[in-house]
Amino acid sequence: MTSPGLRSTVGASPRGPGLTALALGVLGLLTFWMCGLGMLLAVGGIGCGVVAVARGRGRGFGYAGIAVSLLALGVAGAALVWFGRQAADCSGRYQTAFDRSTCLDARFPLLKAHRD
C-alpha cells in the first residue's frame, strides 16, 4: 500500500540518456589523446544525445552532451592531424631508420619510454 503523495523510484531515470551523453562527451574530451578512445567515446556521446533529444528524456543534458561530444571529436581530430604531421615530418626529413627513430624520440618522448 502506497501513499498518494509518494512516487516510486524504481526504474530508469528520465534524464538517463542525456546524462550518459554528457558523461561520454566529458570523458571523450579528457581522453582525446588515448589512441582513438576519446573519439570513440565522443561518437557514443553524440549517439546517446540524439536518443535523449529524440525521446524527449533529458533534452537539456542531451543537447549539452552533443555539444561537448562534438568538441571532443574536434579536439581529438586536431590532435590526430598534429601527431600525424609530426611523424610525417620525421619520416620525410631523415633517410635512415636510426635518424627517423631519433627524431621521433625527440618529438614523442613517451614513445621512447615504451621501447626501453
PDB file of N, CA and C in Angstrom:
ATOM      1  N   MET A   1       0.830  -1.154   0.000  1.00  0.00           N
ATOM      2  CA  MET A   1       0.000   0.000   0.000  1.00  0.00           C
ATOM      3  C   MET A   1       0.897   1.246   0.000  1.00  0.00           C
ATOM      4  N   THR A   2       0.655   2.147  -0.920  1.00  0.00           N
ATOM      5  CA  THR A   2       1.461   3.361  -1.012  1.00  0.00           C
ATOM      6  C   THR A   2       0.588   4.581  -0.788  1.00  0.00           C
ATOM      7  N   SER A   3       1.206   5.614  -0.313  1.00  0.00           N
ATOM      8  CA  SER A   3       0.501   6.883  -0.112  1.00  0.00           C
ATOM      9  C   SER A   3       0.380   7.597  -1.442  1.00  0.00           C
ATOM     10  N   PRO A   4      -0.672   8.361  -1.645  1.00  0.00           N
ATOM     11  CA  PRO A   4      -0.844   9.049  -2.922  1.00  0.00           C
ATOM     12  C   PRO A   4       0.253  10.069  -3.220  1.00  0.00           C
ATOM     13  N   GLY A   5       0.900  10.617  -2.210  1.00  0.00           N
ATOM     14  CA  GLY A   5       1.917  11.634  -2.437  1.00  0.00           C
ATOM     15  C   GLY A   5       3.307  11.069  -2.713  1.00  0.00           C
ATOM     16  N   LEU A   6       3.497   9.769  -2.552  1.00  0.00           N
ATOM     17  CA  LEU A   6       4.817   9.182  -2.743  1.00  0.00           C
ATOM     18  C   LEU A   6       4.976   8.626  -4.154  1.00  0.00           C
ATOM     19  N   ARG A   7       6.175   8.812  -4.686  1.00  0.00           N
ATOM     20  CA  ARG A   7       6.474   8.273  -6.013  1.00  0.00           C
ATOM     21  C   ARG A   7       7.445   7.129  -5.876  1.00  0.00           C
ATOM     22  N   SER A   8       7.338   6.181  -6.723  1.00  0.00           N
ATOM     23  CA  SER A   8       8.281   5.075  -6.738  1.00  0.00           C
ATOM     24  C   SER A   8       9.545   5.505  -7.469  1.00  0.00           C
ATOM     25  N   THR A   9      10.692   5.129  -6.945  1.00  0.00           N
ATOM     26  CA  THR A   9      11.954   5.481  -7.585  1.00  0.00           C
ATOM     27  C   THR A   9      12.528   4.296  -8.353  1.00  0.00           C
ATOM     28  N   VAL A  10      11.723   3.292  -8.572  1.00  0.00           N
ATOM     29  CA  VAL A  10      12.179   2.119  -9.301  1.00  0.00           C
ATOM     30  C   VAL A  10      12.138   2.419 -10.788  1.00  0.00           C
ATOM     31  N   GLY A  11      13.170   2.009 -11.507  1.00  0.00           N
ATOM     32  CA  GLY A  11      13.210   2.208 -12.953  1.00  0.00           C
ATOM     33  C   GLY A  11      14.298   3.193 -13.342  1.00  0.00           C
ATOM     34  N   ALA A  12      14.381   3.418 -14.617  1.00  0.00           N
ATOM     35  CA  ALA A  12      15.428   4.282 -15.153  1.00  0.00           C
ATOM     36  C   ALA A  12      15.086   5.748 -14.934  1.00  0.00           C
ATOM     37  N   SER A  13      16.124   6.534 -14.788  1.00  0.00           N
ATOM     38  CA  SER A  13      15.958   7.975 -14.646  1.00  0.00           C
ATOM     39  C   SER A  13      15.498   8.558 -15.978  1.00  0.00           C
ATOM     40  N   PRO A  14      14.582   9.515 -15.934  1.00  0.00           N
ATOM     41  CA  PRO A  14      14.153  10.115 -17.203  1.00  0.00           C
ATOM     42  C   PRO A  14      15.250  10.929 -17.862  1.00  0.00           C
ATOM     43  N   ARG A  15      16.272  11.283 -17.105  1.00  0.00           N
ATOM     44  CA  ARG A  15      17.394  12.030 -17.691  1.00  0.00           C
ATOM     45  C   ARG A  15      18.546  11.124 -18.076  1.00  0.00           C
ATOM     46  N   GLY A  16      18.381   9.824 -17.970  1.00  0.00           N
ATOM     47  CA  GLY A  16      19.462   8.863 -18.178  1.00  0.00           C
ATOM     48  C   GLY A  16      20.219   9.009 -19.486  1.00  0.00           C
ATOM     49  N   PRO A  17      19.538   8.984 -20.630  1.00  0.00           N
ATOM     50  CA  PRO A  17      20.280   9.106 -21.901  1.00  0.00           C
ATOM     51  C   PRO A  17      21.016  10.437 -22.043  1.00  0.00           C
ATOM     52  N   GLY A  18      20.415  11.515 -21.545  1.00  0.00           N
ATOM     53  CA  GLY A  18      21.069  12.819 -21.621  1.00  0.00           C
ATOM     54  C   GLY A  18      22.295  12.899 -20.735  1.00  0.00           C
ATOM     55  N   LEU A  19      22.180  12.377 -19.519  1.00  0.00           N
ATOM     56  CA  LEU A  19      23.332  12.358 -18.621  1.00  0.00           C
ATOM     57  C   LEU A  19      24.441  11.460 -19.158  1.00  0.00           C
ATOM     58  N   THR A  20      24.050  10.349 -19.762  1.00  0.00           N
ATOM     59  CA  THR A  20      25.041   9.457 -20.365  1.00  0.00           C
ATOM     60  C   THR A  20      25.773  10.164 -21.495  1.00  0.00           C
ATOM     61  N   ALA A  21      25.042  10.899 -22.312  1.00  0.00           N
ATOM     62  CA  ALA A  21      25.664  11.646 -23.409  1.00  0.00           C
ATOM     63  C   ALA A  21      26.653  12.671 -22.881  1.00  0.00           C
ATOM     64  N   LEU A  22      26.263  13.383 -21.833  1.00  0.00           N
ATOM     65  CA  LEU A  22      27.144  14.389 -21.254  1.00  0.00           C
ATOM     66  C   LEU A  22      28.391  13.744 -20.642  1.00  0.00           C
ATOM     67  N   ALA A  23      28.199  12.636 -19.933  1.00  0.00           N
ATOM     68  CA  ALA A  23      29.348  11.945 -19.327  1.00  0.00           C
ATOM     69  C   ALA A  23      30.296  11.415 -20.393  1.00  0.00           C
ATOM     70  N   LEU A  24      29.753  10.830 -21.462  1.00  0.00           N
ATOM     71  CA  LEU A  24      30.615  10.323 -22.534  1.00  0.00           C
ATOM     72  C   LEU A  24      31.354  11.460 -23.239  1.00  0.00           C
ATOM     73  N   GLY A  25      30.699  12.593 -23.404  1.00  0.00           N
ATOM     74  CA  GLY A  25      31.353  13.747 -24.017  1.00  0.00           C
ATOM     75  C   GLY A  25      32.506  14.266 -23.178  1.00  0.00           C
ATOM     76  N   VAL A  26      32.282  14.362 -21.867  1.00  0.00           N
ATOM     77  CA  VAL A  26      33.347  14.830 -20.976  1.00  0.00           C
ATOM     78  C   VAL A  26      34.497  13.832 -20.949  1.00  0.00           C
ATOM     79  N   LEU A  27      34.177  12.538 -20.875  1.00  0.00           N
ATOM     80  CA  LEU A  27      35.236  11.515 -20.911  1.00  0.00           C
ATOM     81  C   LEU A  27      35.986  11.538 -22.240  1.00  0.00           C
ATOM     82  N   GLY A  28      35.271  11.768 -23.325  1.00  0.00           N
ATOM     83  CA  GLY A  28      35.920  11.881 -24.630  1.00  0.00           C
ATOM     84  C   GLY A  28      36.866  13.062 -24.686  1.00  0.00           C
ATOM     85  N   LEU A  29      36.469  14.153 -24.046  1.00  0.00           N
ATOM     86  CA  LEU A  29      37.331  15.337 -24.015  1.00  0.00           C
ATOM     87  C   LEU A  29      38.571  15.092 -23.159  1.00  0.00           C
ATOM     88  N   LEU A  30      38.412  14.351 -22.088  1.00  0.00           N
ATOM     89  CA  LEU A  30      39.553  14.069 -21.212  1.00  0.00           C
ATOM     90  C   LEU A  30      40.506  13.020 -21.780  1.00  0.00           C
ATOM     91  N   THR A  31      40.014  12.167 -22.660  1.00  0.00           N
ATOM     92  CA  THR A  31      40.838  11.074 -23.191  1.00  0.00           C
ATOM     93  C   THR A  31      41.105  11.217 -24.687  1.00  0.00           C
ATOM     94  N   PHE A  32      41.076  12.439 -25.213  1.00  0.00           N
ATOM     95  CA  PHE A  32      41.263  12.639 -26.650  1.00  0.00           C
ATOM     96  C   PHE A  32      42.611  12.138 -27.139  1.00  0.00           C
ATOM     97  N   TRP A  33      43.598  12.073 -26.300  1.00  0.00           N
ATOM     98  CA  TRP A  33      44.965  11.709 -26.682  1.00  0.00           C
ATOM     99  C   TRP A  33      45.216  10.212 -26.608  1.00  0.00           C
ATOM    100  N   MET A  34      44.263   9.406 -26.233  1.00  0.00           N
ATOM    101  CA  MET A  34      44.476   7.983 -25.979  1.00  0.00           C
ATOM    102  C   MET A  34      44.126   7.107 -27.183  1.00  0.00           C
ATOM    103  N   CYS A  35      44.838   7.257 -28.255  1.00  0.00           N
ATOM    104  CA  CYS A  35      44.747   6.351 -29.414  1.00  0.00           C
ATOM    105  C   CYS A  35      43.320   6.112 -29.888  1.00  0.00           C
ATOM    106  N   GLY A  36      42.549   7.134 -30.004  1.00  0.00           N
ATOM    107  CA  GLY A  36      41.210   6.999 -30.550  1.00  0.00           C
ATOM    108  C   GLY A  36      40.123   6.727 -29.523  1.00  0.00           C
ATOM    109  N   LEU A  37      40.470   6.492 -28.272  1.00  0.00           N
ATOM    110  CA  LEU A  37      39.456   6.231 -27.253  1.00  0.00           C
ATOM    111  C   LEU A  37      38.553   7.445 -27.079  1.00  0.00           C
ATOM    112  N   GLY A  38      39.132   8.617 -27.077  1.00  0.00           N
ATOM    113  CA  GLY A  38      38.338   9.838 -26.942  1.00  0.00           C
ATOM    114  C   GLY A  38      37.361  10.012 -28.083  1.00  0.00           C
ATOM    115  N   MET A  39      37.791   9.675 -29.298  1.00  0.00           N
ATOM    116  CA  MET A  39      36.899   9.782 -30.457  1.00  0.00           C
ATOM    117  C   MET A  39      35.749   8.780 -30.336  1.00  0.00           C
ATOM    118  N   LEU A  40      36.059   7.584 -29.897  1.00  0.00           N
ATOM    119  CA  LEU A  40      35.032   6.559 -29.733  1.00  0.00           C
ATOM    120  C   LEU A  40      34.010   6.976 -28.676  1.00  0.00           C
ATOM    121  N   LEU A  41      34.483   7.499 -27.555  1.00  0.00           N
ATOM    122  CA  LEU A  41      33.573   7.975 -26.517  1.00  0.00           C
ATOM    123  C   LEU A  41      32.731   9.149 -27.009  1.00  0.00           C
ATOM    124  N   ALA A  42      33.330  10.041 -27.780  1.00  0.00           N
ATOM    125  CA  ALA A  42      32.595  11.185 -28.309  1.00  0.00           C
ATOM    126  C   ALA A  42      31.496  10.751 -29.270  1.00  0.00           C
ATOM    127  N   VAL A  43      31.781   9.777 -30.104  1.00  0.00           N
ATOM    128  CA  VAL A  43      30.751   9.270 -31.027  1.00  0.00           C
ATOM    129  C   VAL A  43      29.609   8.633 -30.232  1.00  0.00           C
ATOM    130  N   GLY A  44      29.962   7.893 -29.182  1.00  0.00           N
ATOM    131  CA  GLY A  44      28.925   7.327 -28.316  1.00  0.00           C
ATOM    132  C   GLY A  44      28.108   8.409 -27.634  1.00  0.00           C
ATOM    133  N   GLY A  45      28.768   9.494 -27.222  1.00  0.00           N
ATOM    134  CA  GLY A  45      28.069  10.617 -26.607  1.00  0.00           C
ATOM    135  C   GLY A  45      27.109  11.295 -27.565  1.00  0.00           C
ATOM    136  N   ILE A  46      27.521  11.421 -28.814  1.00  0.00           N
ATOM    137  CA  ILE A  46      26.626  12.013 -29.821  1.00  0.00           C
ATOM    138  C   ILE A  46      25.408  11.112 -30.019  1.00  0.00           C
ATOM    139  N   GLY A  47      25.642   9.812 -30.097  1.00  0.00           N
ATOM    140  CA  GLY A  47      24.526   8.875 -30.269  1.00  0.00           C
ATOM    141  C   GLY A  47      23.555   8.916 -29.107  1.00  0.00           C
ATOM    142  N   CYS A  48      24.066   8.902 -27.879  1.00  0.00           N
ATOM    143  CA  CYS A  48      23.190   8.976 -26.702  1.00  0.00           C
ATOM    144  C   CYS A  48      22.467  10.314 -26.641  1.00  0.00           C
ATOM    145  N   GLY A  49      23.135  11.379 -27.038  1.00  0.00           N
ATOM    146  CA  GLY A  49      22.493  12.691 -27.054  1.00  0.00           C
ATOM    147  C   GLY A  49      21.360  12.766 -28.044  1.00  0.00           C
ATOM    148  N   VAL A  50      21.551  12.174 -29.203  1.00  0.00           N
ATOM    149  CA  VAL A  50      20.490  12.150 -30.215  1.00  0.00           C
ATOM    150  C   VAL A  50      19.297  11.353 -29.697  1.00  0.00           C
ATOM    151  N   VAL A  51      19.564  10.230 -29.047  1.00  0.00           N
ATOM    152  CA  VAL A  51      18.482   9.421 -28.475  1.00  0.00           C
ATOM    153  C   VAL A  51      17.744  10.219 -27.405  1.00  0.00           C
ATOM    154  N   ALA A  52      18.474  10.923 -26.556  1.00  0.00           N
ATOM    155  CA  ALA A  52      17.845  11.714 -25.489  1.00  0.00           C
ATOM    156  C   ALA A  52      16.962  12.809 -26.067  1.00  0.00           C
ATOM    157  N   VAL A  53      17.445  13.485 -27.098  1.00  0.00           N
ATOM    158  CA  VAL A  53      16.671  14.570 -27.701  1.00  0.00           C
ATOM    159  C   VAL A  53      15.451  14.007 -28.428  1.00  0.00           C
ATOM    160  N   ALA A  54      15.631  12.903 -29.142  1.00  0.00           N
ATOM    161  CA  ALA A  54      14.527  12.324 -29.899  1.00  0.00           C
ATOM    162  C   ALA A  54      13.423  11.799 -28.984  1.00  0.00           C
ATOM    163  N   ARG A  55      13.798  11.213 -27.858  1.00  0.00           N
ATOM    164  CA  ARG A  55      12.803  10.678 -26.923  1.00  0.00           C
ATOM    165  C   ARG A  55      12.244  11.744 -25.991  1.00  0.00           C
ATOM    166  N   GLY A  56      12.916  12.875 -25.906  1.00  0.00           N
ATOM    167  CA  GLY A  56      12.475  13.931 -25.012  1.00  0.00           C
ATOM    168  C   GLY A  56      12.803  13.647 -23.561  1.00  0.00           C
ATOM    169  N   ARG A  57      13.750  12.754 -23.318  1.00  0.00           N
ATOM    170  CA  ARG A  57      14.130  12.383 -21.956  1.00  0.00           C
ATOM    171  C   ARG A  57      15.506  12.979 -21.655  1.00  0.00           C
ATOM    172  N   GLY A  58      15.531  14.025 -20.862  1.00  0.00           N
ATOM    173  CA  GLY A  58      16.797  14.672 -20.554  1.00  0.00           C
ATOM    174  C   GLY A  58      17.308  15.492 -21.715  1.00  0.00           C
ATOM    175  N   ARG A  59      16.414  16.246 -22.338  1.00  0.00           N
ATOM    176  CA  ARG A  59      16.773  17.005 -23.538  1.00  0.00           C
ATOM    177  C   ARG A  59      17.904  17.995 -23.315  1.00  0.00           C
ATOM    178  N   GLY A  60      17.866  18.717 -22.227  1.00  0.00           N
ATOM    179  CA  GLY A  60      18.922  19.700 -21.944  1.00  0.00           C
ATOM    180  C   GLY A  60      20.278  19.034 -21.811  1.00  0.00           C
ATOM    181  N   PHE A  61      20.311  17.925 -21.064  1.00  0.00           N
ATOM    182  CA  PHE A  61      21.554  17.176 -20.941  1.00  0.00           C
ATOM    183  C   PHE A  61      21.951  16.571 -22.292  1.00  0.00           C
ATOM    184  N   GLY A  62      20.965  16.177 -23.078  1.00  0.00           N
ATOM    185  CA  GLY A  62      21.252  15.615 -24.399  1.00  0.00           C
ATOM    186  C   GLY A  62      21.930  16.630 -25.309  1.00  0.00           C
ATOM    187  N   TYR A  63      21.381  17.846 -25.332  1.00  0.00           N
ATOM    188  CA  TYR A  63      21.995  18.899 -26.147  1.00  0.00           C
ATOM    189  C   TYR A  63      23.401  19.235 -25.647  1.00  0.00           C
ATOM    190  N   ALA A  64      23.552  19.309 -24.331  1.00  0.00           N
ATOM    191  CA  ALA A  64      24.883  19.587 -23.766  1.00  0.00           C
ATOM    192  C   ALA A  64      25.850  18.444 -24.086  1.00  0.00           C
ATOM    193  N   GLY A  65      25.370  17.210 -24.014  1.00  0.00           N
ATOM    194  CA  GLY A  65      26.199  16.052 -24.347  1.00  0.00           C
ATOM    195  C   GLY A  65      26.633  16.057 -25.798  1.00  0.00           C
ATOM    196  N   ILE A  66      25.721  16.424 -26.682  1.00  0.00           N
ATOM    197  CA  ILE A  66      26.065  16.508 -28.106  1.00  0.00           C
ATOM    198  C   ILE A  66      27.126  17.589 -28.325  1.00  0.00           C
ATOM    199  N   ALA A  67      26.947  18.744 -27.681  1.00  0.00           N
ATOM    200  CA  ALA A  67      27.904  19.846 -27.856  1.00  0.00           C
ATOM    201  C   ALA A  67      29.287  19.466 -27.337  1.00  0.00           C
ATOM    202  N   VAL A  68      29.353  18.881 -26.139  1.00  0.00           N
ATOM    203  CA  VAL A  68      30.647  18.502 -25.573  1.00  0.00           C
ATOM    204  C   VAL A  68      31.279  17.377 -26.389  1.00  0.00           C
ATOM    205  N   SER A  69      30.452  16.454 -26.869  1.00  0.00           N
ATOM    206  CA  SER A  69      30.976  15.352 -27.682  1.00  0.00           C
ATOM    207  C   SER A  69      31.522  15.858 -29.014  1.00  0.00           C
ATOM    208  N   LEU A  70      30.841  16.819 -29.619  1.00  0.00           N
ATOM    209  CA  LEU A  70      31.362  17.404 -30.861  1.00  0.00           C
ATOM    210  C   LEU A  70      32.675  18.143 -30.610  1.00  0.00           C
ATOM    211  N   LEU A  71      32.756  18.831 -29.474  1.00  0.00           N
ATOM    212  CA  LEU A  71      34.005  19.487 -29.108  1.00  0.00           C
ATOM    213  C   LEU A  71      35.120  18.460 -28.922  1.00  0.00           C
ATOM    214  N   ALA A  72      34.822  17.370 -28.225  1.00  0.00           N
ATOM    215  CA  ALA A  72      35.816  16.316 -28.002  1.00  0.00           C
ATOM    216  C   ALA A  72      36.254  15.701 -29.325  1.00  0.00           C
ATOM    217  N   LEU A  73      35.304  15.494 -30.227  1.00  0.00           N
ATOM    218  CA  LEU A  73      35.628  14.934 -31.538  1.00  0.00           C
ATOM    219  C   LEU A  73      36.527  15.885 -32.322  1.00  0.00           C
ATOM    220  N   GLY A  74      36.258  17.173 -32.252  1.00  0.00           N
ATOM    221  CA  GLY A  74      37.097  18.155 -32.937  1.00  0.00           C
ATOM    222  C   GLY A  74      38.504  18.227 -32.357  1.00  0.00           C
ATOM    223  N   VAL A  75      38.601  18.219 -31.027  1.00  0.00           N
ATOM    224  CA  VAL A  75      39.918  18.269 -30.377  1.00  0.00           C
ATOM    225  C   VAL A  75      40.713  17.007 -30.703  1.00  0.00           C
ATOM    226  N   ALA A  76      40.053  15.849 -30.645  1.00  0.00           N
ATOM    227  CA  ALA A  76      40.742  14.593 -30.949  1.00  0.00           C
ATOM    228  C   ALA A  76      41.176  14.542 -32.414  1.00  0.00           C
ATOM    229  N   GLY A  77      40.335  15.040 -33.308  1.00  0.00           N
ATOM    230  CA  GLY A  77      40.707  15.076 -34.721  1.00  0.00           C
ATOM    231  C   GLY A  77      41.891  15.998 -34.974  1.00  0.00           C
ATOM    232  N   ALA A  78      41.882  17.161 -34.319  1.00  0.00           N
ATOM    233  CA  ALA A  78      43.003  18.095 -34.464  1.00  0.00           C
ATOM    234  C   ALA A  78      44.291  17.496 -33.901  1.00  0.00           C
ATOM    235  N   ALA A  79      44.198  16.806 -32.772  1.00  0.00           N
ATOM    236  CA  ALA A  79      45.379  16.159 -32.189  1.00  0.00           C
ATOM    237  C   ALA A  79      45.901  15.061 -33.107  1.00  0.00           C
ATOM    238  N   LEU A  80      44.994  14.315 -33.711  1.00  0.00           N
ATOM    239  CA  LEU A  80      45.398  13.252 -34.634  1.00  0.00           C
ATOM    240  C   LEU A  80      46.137  13.831 -35.838  1.00  0.00           C
ATOM    241  N   VAL A  81      45.634  14.924 -36.377  1.00  0.00           N
ATOM    242  CA  VAL A  81      46.300  15.576 -37.511  1.00  0.00           C
ATOM    243  C   VAL A  81      47.668  16.100 -37.089  1.00  0.00           C
ATOM    244  N   TRP A  82      47.755  16.714 -35.905  1.00  0.00           N
ATOM    245  CA  TRP A  82      49.022  17.259 -35.437  1.00  0.00           C
ATOM    246  C   TRP A  82      50.058  16.157 -35.245  1.00  0.00           C
ATOM    247  N   PHE A  83      49.673  15.061 -34.572  1.00  0.00           N
ATOM    248  CA  PHE A  83      50.610  13.951 -34.369  1.00  0.00           C
ATOM    249  C   PHE A  83      51.026  13.340 -35.705  1.00  0.00           C
ATOM    250  N   GLY A  84      50.086  13.214 -36.615  1.00  0.00           N
ATOM    251  CA  GLY A  84      50.412  12.666 -37.933  1.00  0.00           C
ATOM    252  C   GLY A  84      51.404  13.525 -38.691  1.00  0.00           C
ATOM    253  N   ARG A  85      51.225  14.838 -38.614  1.00  0.00           N
ATOM    254  CA  ARG A  85      52.162  15.740 -39.295  1.00  0.00           C
ATOM    255  C   ARG A  85      53.553  15.684 -38.678  1.00  0.00           C
ATOM    256  N   GLN A  86      53.621  15.564 -37.361  1.00  0.00           N
ATOM    257  CA  GLN A  86      54.913  15.460 -36.698  1.00  0.00           C
ATOM    258  C   GLN A  86      55.634  14.184 -37.125  1.00  0.00           C
ATOM    259  N   ALA A  87      54.910  13.083 -37.169  1.00  0.00           N
ATOM    260  CA  ALA A  87      55.515  11.814 -37.569  1.00  0.00           C
ATOM    261  C   ALA A  87      55.905  11.837 -39.045  1.00  0.00           C
ATOM    262  N   ALA A  88      55.078  12.428 -39.893  1.00  0.00           N
ATOM    263  CA  ALA A  88      55.397  12.506 -41.318  1.00  0.00           C
ATOM    264  C   ALA A  88      56.615  13.382 -41.561  1.00  0.00           C
ATOM    265  N   ASP A  89      56.772  14.426 -40.773  1.00  0.00           N
ATOM    266  CA  ASP A  89      57.938  15.290 -40.909  1.00  0.00           C
ATOM    267  C   ASP A  89      59.215  14.515 -40.601  1.00  0.00           C
ATOM    268  N   CYS A  90      59.179  13.661 -39.578  1.00  0.00           N
ATOM    269  CA  CYS A  90      60.357  12.853 -39.242  1.00  0.00           C
ATOM    270  C   CYS A  90      60.664  11.851 -40.347  1.00  0.00           C
ATOM    271  N   SER A  91      59.625  11.229 -40.897  1.00  0.00           N
ATOM    272  CA  SER A  91      59.886  10.210 -41.918  1.00  0.00           C
ATOM    273  C   SER A  91      60.294  10.830 -43.248  1.00  0.00           C
ATOM    274  N   GLY A  92      59.854  12.053 -43.525  1.00  0.00           N
ATOM    275  CA  GLY A  92      60.226  12.702 -44.779  1.00  0.00           C
ATOM    276  C   GLY A  92      61.580  13.372 -44.722  1.00  0.00           C
ATOM    277  N   ARG A  93      61.998  13.766 -43.545  1.00  0.00           N
ATOM    278  CA  ARG A  93      63.234  14.512 -43.401  1.00  0.00           C
ATOM    279  C   ARG A  93      64.468  13.609 -43.322  1.00  0.00           C
ATOM    280  N   TYR A  94      64.339  12.439 -42.719  1.00  0.00           N
ATOM    281  CA  TYR A  94      65.503  11.583 -42.474  1.00  0.00           C
ATOM    282  C   TYR A  94      65.407  10.299 -43.293  1.00  0.00           C
ATOM    283  N   GLN A  95      66.542   9.845 -43.780  1.00  0.00           N
ATOM    284  CA  GLN A  95      66.574   8.682 -44.666  1.00  0.00           C
ATOM    285  C   GLN A  95      66.773   7.365 -43.922  1.00  0.00           C
ATOM    286  N   THR A  96      67.583   7.374 -42.870  1.00  0.00           N
ATOM    287  CA  THR A  96      67.874   6.114 -42.183  1.00  0.00           C
ATOM    288  C   THR A  96      66.885   5.886 -41.041  1.00  0.00           C
ATOM    289  N   ALA A  97      66.708   4.625 -40.705  1.00  0.00           N
ATOM    290  CA  ALA A  97      65.780   4.263 -39.637  1.00  0.00           C
ATOM    291  C   ALA A  97      66.245   4.825 -38.296  1.00  0.00           C
ATOM    292  N   PHE A  98      67.553   4.849 -38.071  1.00  0.00           N
ATOM    293  CA  PHE A  98      68.080   5.374 -36.813  1.00  0.00           C
ATOM    294  C   PHE A  98      67.773   6.862 -36.678  1.00  0.00           C
ATOM    295  N   ASP A  99      67.978   7.615 -37.754  1.00  0.00           N
ATOM    296  CA  ASP A  99      67.704   9.058 -37.713  1.00  0.00           C
ATOM    297  C   ASP A  99      66.211   9.334 -37.513  1.00  0.00           C
ATOM    298  N   ARG A 100      65.357   8.554 -38.198  1.00  0.00           N
ATOM    299  CA  ARG A 100      63.909   8.720 -38.006  1.00  0.00           C
ATOM    300  C   ARG A 100      63.509   8.396 -36.568  1.00  0.00           C
ATOM    301  N   SER A 101      64.101   7.341 -36.029  1.00  0.00           N
ATOM    302  CA  SER A 101      63.806   6.954 -34.654  1.00  0.00           C
ATOM    303  C   SER A 101      64.258   8.031 -33.668  1.00  0.00           C
ATOM    304  N   THR A 102      65.414   8.614 -33.906  1.00  0.00           N
ATOM    305  CA  THR A 102      65.906   9.692 -33.048  1.00  0.00           C
ATOM    306  C   THR A 102      64.981  10.903 -33.122  1.00  0.00           C
ATOM    307  N   CYS A 103      64.515  11.229 -34.310  1.00  0.00           N
ATOM    308  CA  CYS A 103      63.588  12.352 -34.486  1.00  0.00           C
ATOM    309  C   CYS A 103      62.273  12.082 -33.745  1.00  0.00           C
ATOM    310  N   LEU A 104      61.753  10.881 -33.890  1.00  0.00           N
ATOM    311  CA  LEU A 104      60.502  10.529 -33.207  1.00  0.00           C
ATOM    312  C   LEU A 104      60.685  10.534 -31.695  1.00  0.00           C
ATOM    313  N   ASP A 105      61.839  10.071 -31.219  1.00  0.00           N
ATOM    314  CA  ASP A 105      62.115  10.101 -29.784  1.00  0.00           C
ATOM    315  C   ASP A 105      62.146  11.531 -29.257  1.00  0.00           C
ATOM    316  N   ALA A 106      62.684  12.443 -30.051  1.00  0.00           N
ATOM    317  CA  ALA A 106      62.757  13.835 -29.631  1.00  0.00           C
ATOM    318  C   ALA A 106      61.370  14.484 -29.607  1.00  0.00           C
ATOM    319  N   ARG A 107      60.528  14.133 -30.559  1.00  0.00           N
ATOM    320  CA  ARG A 107      59.199  14.743 -30.642  1.00  0.00           C
ATOM    321  C   ARG A 107      58.164  14.063 -29.752  1.00  0.00           C
ATOM    322  N   PHE A 108      58.319  12.768 -29.545  1.00  0.00           N
ATOM    323  CA  PHE A 108      57.378  11.999 -28.729  1.00  0.00           C
ATOM    324  C   PHE A 108      58.145  11.224 -27.658  1.00  0.00           C
ATOM    325  N   PRO A 109      58.519  11.876 -26.575  1.00  0.00           N
ATOM    326  CA  PRO A 109      59.340  11.212 -25.555  1.00  0.00           C
ATOM    327  C   PRO A 109      58.656  10.006 -24.912  1.00  0.00           C
ATOM    328  N   LEU A 110      57.334   9.965 -24.887  1.00  0.00           N
ATOM    329  CA  LEU A 110      56.636   8.822 -24.290  1.00  0.00           C
ATOM    330  C   LEU A 110      56.823   7.552 -25.109  1.00  0.00           C
ATOM    331  N   LEU A 111      57.029   7.685 -26.417  1.00  0.00           N
ATOM    332  CA  LEU A 111      57.269   6.506 -27.241  1.00  0.00           C
ATOM    333  C   LEU A 111      58.583   5.835 -26.862  1.00  0.00           C
ATOM    334  N   LYS A 112      59.578   6.641 -26.547  1.00  0.00           N
ATOM    335  CA  LYS A 112      60.885   6.109 -26.173  1.00  0.00           C
ATOM    336  C   LYS A 112      60.776   5.322 -24.874  1.00  0.00           C
ATOM    337  N   ALA A 113      59.984   5.791 -23.953  1.00  0.00           N
ATOM    338  CA  ALA A 113      59.838   5.109 -22.661  1.00  0.00           C
ATOM    339  C   ALA A 113      59.223   3.718 -22.840  1.00  0.00           C
ATOM    340  N   HIS A 114      58.372   3.543 -23.823  1.00  0.00           N
ATOM    341  CA  HIS A 114      57.731   2.243 -24.032  1.00  0.00           C
ATOM    342  C   HIS A 114      58.632   1.244 -24.745  1.00  0.00           C
ATOM    343  N   ARG A 115      59.653   1.738 -25.433  1.00  0.00           N
ATOM    344  CA  ARG A 115      60.539   0.831 -26.148  1.00  0.00           C
ATOM    345  C   ARG A 115      61.703   0.351 -25.277  1.00  0.00           C
ATOM    346  N   ASP A 116      62.026   1.101 -24.232  1.00  0.00           N
ATOM    347  CA  ASP A 116      63.177   0.728 -23.388  1.00  0.00           C
ATOM    348  C   ASP A 116      62.864  -0.451 -22.507  1.00  0.00           C
TER     349      ASP A 116
END
